[in-house]
Amino acid sequence: MRKASGFTLIEVLIVVAVVAVLAAIALPNYQDYLLRGKLTEATANLSDVRLRLEKSYADNRRYGTAGVCGVPMPAVANQRYFTITCVSANAAGAGDQTYTLTAAGNAGQGMGAFTYTLNESNTRTSTITASGWNNSATCWVSKKGESC
């Protein structure tokens, strides 16, 4: 008589259980990793616009005129997850002397809970309504549970 070969039902169930446990741990971590990757778009675009505003201020002694910043915002192709806006203010004879840059998350891309701001004093703020994330008045929060 030949001996049967193969896996028993118990062995298969143990393998399925191990794979399920690994997936339960790995999937949330992977989703957080993808989310943090999307956040870099906001911080990179805000930093880029700030640099261009400071260069413009060095040349023109103003950030903008009548509430409109003096540099163009990033191309639409570079604003997939966040929409970048700029408002200048505090008008003086030469033009506006302050600005506020805002990166507002696009809800259609799953980033609607995130808003980052930056001003002429390089003050960075994070307003996040997602569960497990902290807000900050002094930095850009880029990781769940992180605080400054």
Protein backbone atom coordinates (compact mmCIF):
# COMPACT_ATOMS: atom_id res chain seq x y z
CA MET A 1 0.00 0.00 0.00
CA ARG A 2 1.28 3.48 -0.90
CA LYS A 3 1.63 6.13 1.74
CA ALA A 4 -0.45 9.26 0.97
CA SER A 5 1.58 12.43 0.45
CA GLY A 6 0.55 16.06 0.79
CA PHE A 7 -0.52 18.45 3.49
CA THR A 8 -3.06 17.79 6.17
CA LEU A 9 -5.93 20.17 6.78
CA ILE A 10 -4.38 21.28 10.08
CA GLU A 11 -1.08 22.20 8.38
CA VAL A 12 -2.90 24.26 5.74
CA LEU A 13 -4.96 26.04 8.41
CA ILE A 14 -1.82 26.89 10.39
CA VAL A 15 -0.20 28.41 7.29
CA VAL A 16 -3.35 30.42 6.53
CA ALA A 17 -3.46 31.70 10.13
CA VAL A 18 0.21 32.76 10.03
CA VAL A 19 -0.29 34.59 6.71
CA ALA A 20 -3.40 36.34 8.11
CA VAL A 21 -1.50 37.56 11.18
CA LEU A 22 1.38 38.85 9.06
CA ALA A 23 -1.05 40.63 6.72
CA ALA A 24 -2.89 42.21 9.67
CA ILE A 25 0.40 43.71 10.86
CA ALA A 26 1.91 44.64 7.50
CA LEU A 27 -1.07 46.20 5.72
CA PRO A 28 -1.68 49.14 8.13
CA ASN A 29 2.05 49.88 8.26
CA TYR A 30 2.22 49.89 4.47
CA GLN A 31 -0.79 52.21 4.22
CA ASP A 32 0.85 54.65 6.68
CA TYR A 33 4.05 54.46 4.63
CA LEU A 34 2.15 55.41 1.45
CA LEU A 35 0.40 58.27 3.27
CA ARG A 36 3.69 59.69 4.57
CA GLY A 37 5.02 59.58 1.02
CA LYS A 38 2.12 61.74 -0.15
CA LEU A 39 2.78 64.29 2.60
CA THR A 40 6.18 65.10 1.13
CA GLU A 41 4.42 66.76 -1.81
CA ALA A 42 2.97 69.40 0.53
CA THR A 43 6.18 70.14 2.39
CA ALA A 44 8.31 70.19 -0.77
CA ASN A 45 5.94 72.54 -2.62
CA LEU A 46 5.61 74.88 0.38
CA SER A 47 9.38 75.05 0.77
CA ASP A 48 9.85 75.67 -2.95
CA VAL A 49 7.30 78.52 -3.06
CA ARG A 50 8.78 80.04 0.12
CA LEU A 51 12.23 80.08 -1.45
CA ARG A 52 10.89 81.77 -4.58
CA LEU A 53 8.97 84.32 -2.47
CA GLU A 54 12.11 85.19 -0.52
CA LYS A 55 14.08 85.63 -3.76
CA SER A 56 11.32 87.86 -5.10
CA TYR A 57 11.31 89.87 -1.86
CA ALA A 58 15.07 90.42 -2.13
CA ASP A 59 14.56 91.89 -5.60
CA ASN A 60 11.27 93.79 -5.09
CA ARG A 61 11.05 94.44 -1.31
CA ARG A 62 7.54 92.95 -1.24
CA TYR A 63 5.94 89.51 -1.26
CA GLY A 64 3.02 90.58 -3.41
CA THR A 65 0.48 93.27 -4.12
CA ALA A 66 -3.16 93.59 -3.06
CA GLY A 67 -3.27 90.17 -1.42
CA VAL A 68 -1.76 88.30 -4.38
CA CYS A 69 1.66 86.72 -3.97
CA GLY A 70 4.32 87.75 -6.43
CA VAL A 71 5.35 84.28 -7.63
CA PRO A 72 3.40 81.59 -9.47
CA MET A 73 2.21 78.54 -7.58
CA PRO A 74 3.54 75.08 -8.52
CA ALA A 75 2.27 73.55 -11.75
CA VAL A 76 -0.97 71.60 -11.51
CA ALA A 77 0.98 68.44 -12.34
CA ASN A 78 2.93 68.96 -9.09
CA GLN A 79 -0.25 69.37 -7.01
CA ARG A 80 -1.70 65.88 -7.11
CA TYR A 81 -2.45 65.41 -3.40
CA PHE A 82 -2.34 69.01 -2.12
CA THR A 83 -3.50 72.36 -3.50
CA ILE A 84 -1.05 75.17 -2.78
CA THR A 85 -2.39 78.70 -2.24
CA CYS A 86 -0.73 81.93 -1.20
CA VAL A 87 -2.17 85.11 0.28
CA SER A 88 -0.08 88.21 0.93
CA ALA A 89 -1.07 90.98 3.34
CA ASN A 90 0.06 93.88 5.53
CA ALA A 91 0.28 96.36 2.69
CA ALA A 92 2.86 99.10 2.88
CA GLY A 93 3.89 101.70 0.30
CA ALA A 94 6.11 99.18 -1.50
CA GLY A 95 3.60 96.31 -1.41
CA ASP A 96 2.58 93.45 0.84
CA GLN A 97 5.05 92.56 3.59
CA THR A 98 3.67 89.24 4.82
CA TYR A 99 2.32 86.05 3.28
CA THR A 100 0.68 82.79 4.25
CA LEU A 101 1.19 79.68 2.15
CA THR A 102 -1.31 76.87 2.57
CA ALA A 103 -1.19 73.27 1.35
CA ALA A 104 -4.72 71.88 1.64
CA GLY A 105 -5.16 68.16 1.09
CA ASN A 106 -7.31 67.06 -1.83
CA ALA A 107 -10.23 65.04 -0.48
CA GLY A 108 -10.54 63.14 -3.76
CA GLN A 109 -7.06 61.72 -3.19
CA GLY A 110 -7.75 60.78 0.44
CA MET A 111 -5.75 63.68 1.85
CA GLY A 112 -8.62 65.98 2.91
CA ALA A 113 -7.73 65.68 6.60
CA PHE A 114 -4.34 67.39 6.15
CA THR A 115 -3.56 71.13 5.97
CA TYR A 116 -0.09 72.62 6.27
CA THR A 117 0.80 76.32 6.41
CA LEU A 118 3.95 78.43 6.24
CA ASN A 119 4.48 82.18 6.60
CA GLU A 120 7.19 84.80 6.05
CA SER A 121 8.66 84.08 9.51
CA ASN A 122 9.07 80.40 8.53
CA THR A 123 6.39 79.43 11.07
CA ARG A 124 5.06 76.01 10.12
CA THR A 125 1.72 74.65 11.29
CA SER A 126 -0.12 71.37 10.84
CA THR A 127 -3.89 71.01 11.10
CA ILE A 128 -4.86 67.35 10.84
CA THR A 129 -8.27 65.83 11.54
CA ALA A 130 -7.30 62.21 10.88
CA SER A 131 -7.50 59.80 13.81
CA GLY A 132 -4.20 59.24 15.61
CA TRP A 133 -2.52 62.33 14.12
CA ASN A 134 -1.52 65.39 16.15
CA ASN A 135 -1.86 69.06 15.24
CA SER A 136 1.07 71.42 15.70
CA ALA A 137 1.55 75.19 15.78
CA THR A 138 5.33 74.90 15.38
CA CYS A 139 6.11 72.24 12.77
CA TRP A 140 4.82 70.02 9.98
CA VAL A 141 3.69 66.71 11.45
CA SER A 142 4.57 63.94 9.01
CA LYS A 143 4.04 60.80 11.04
CA LYS A 144 1.09 59.40 12.97
CA GLY A 145 1.45 60.12 16.71
CA GLU A 146 4.34 62.54 16.13
CA SER A 147 4.45 65.88 17.92
CA CYS A 148 6.98 68.69 17.93
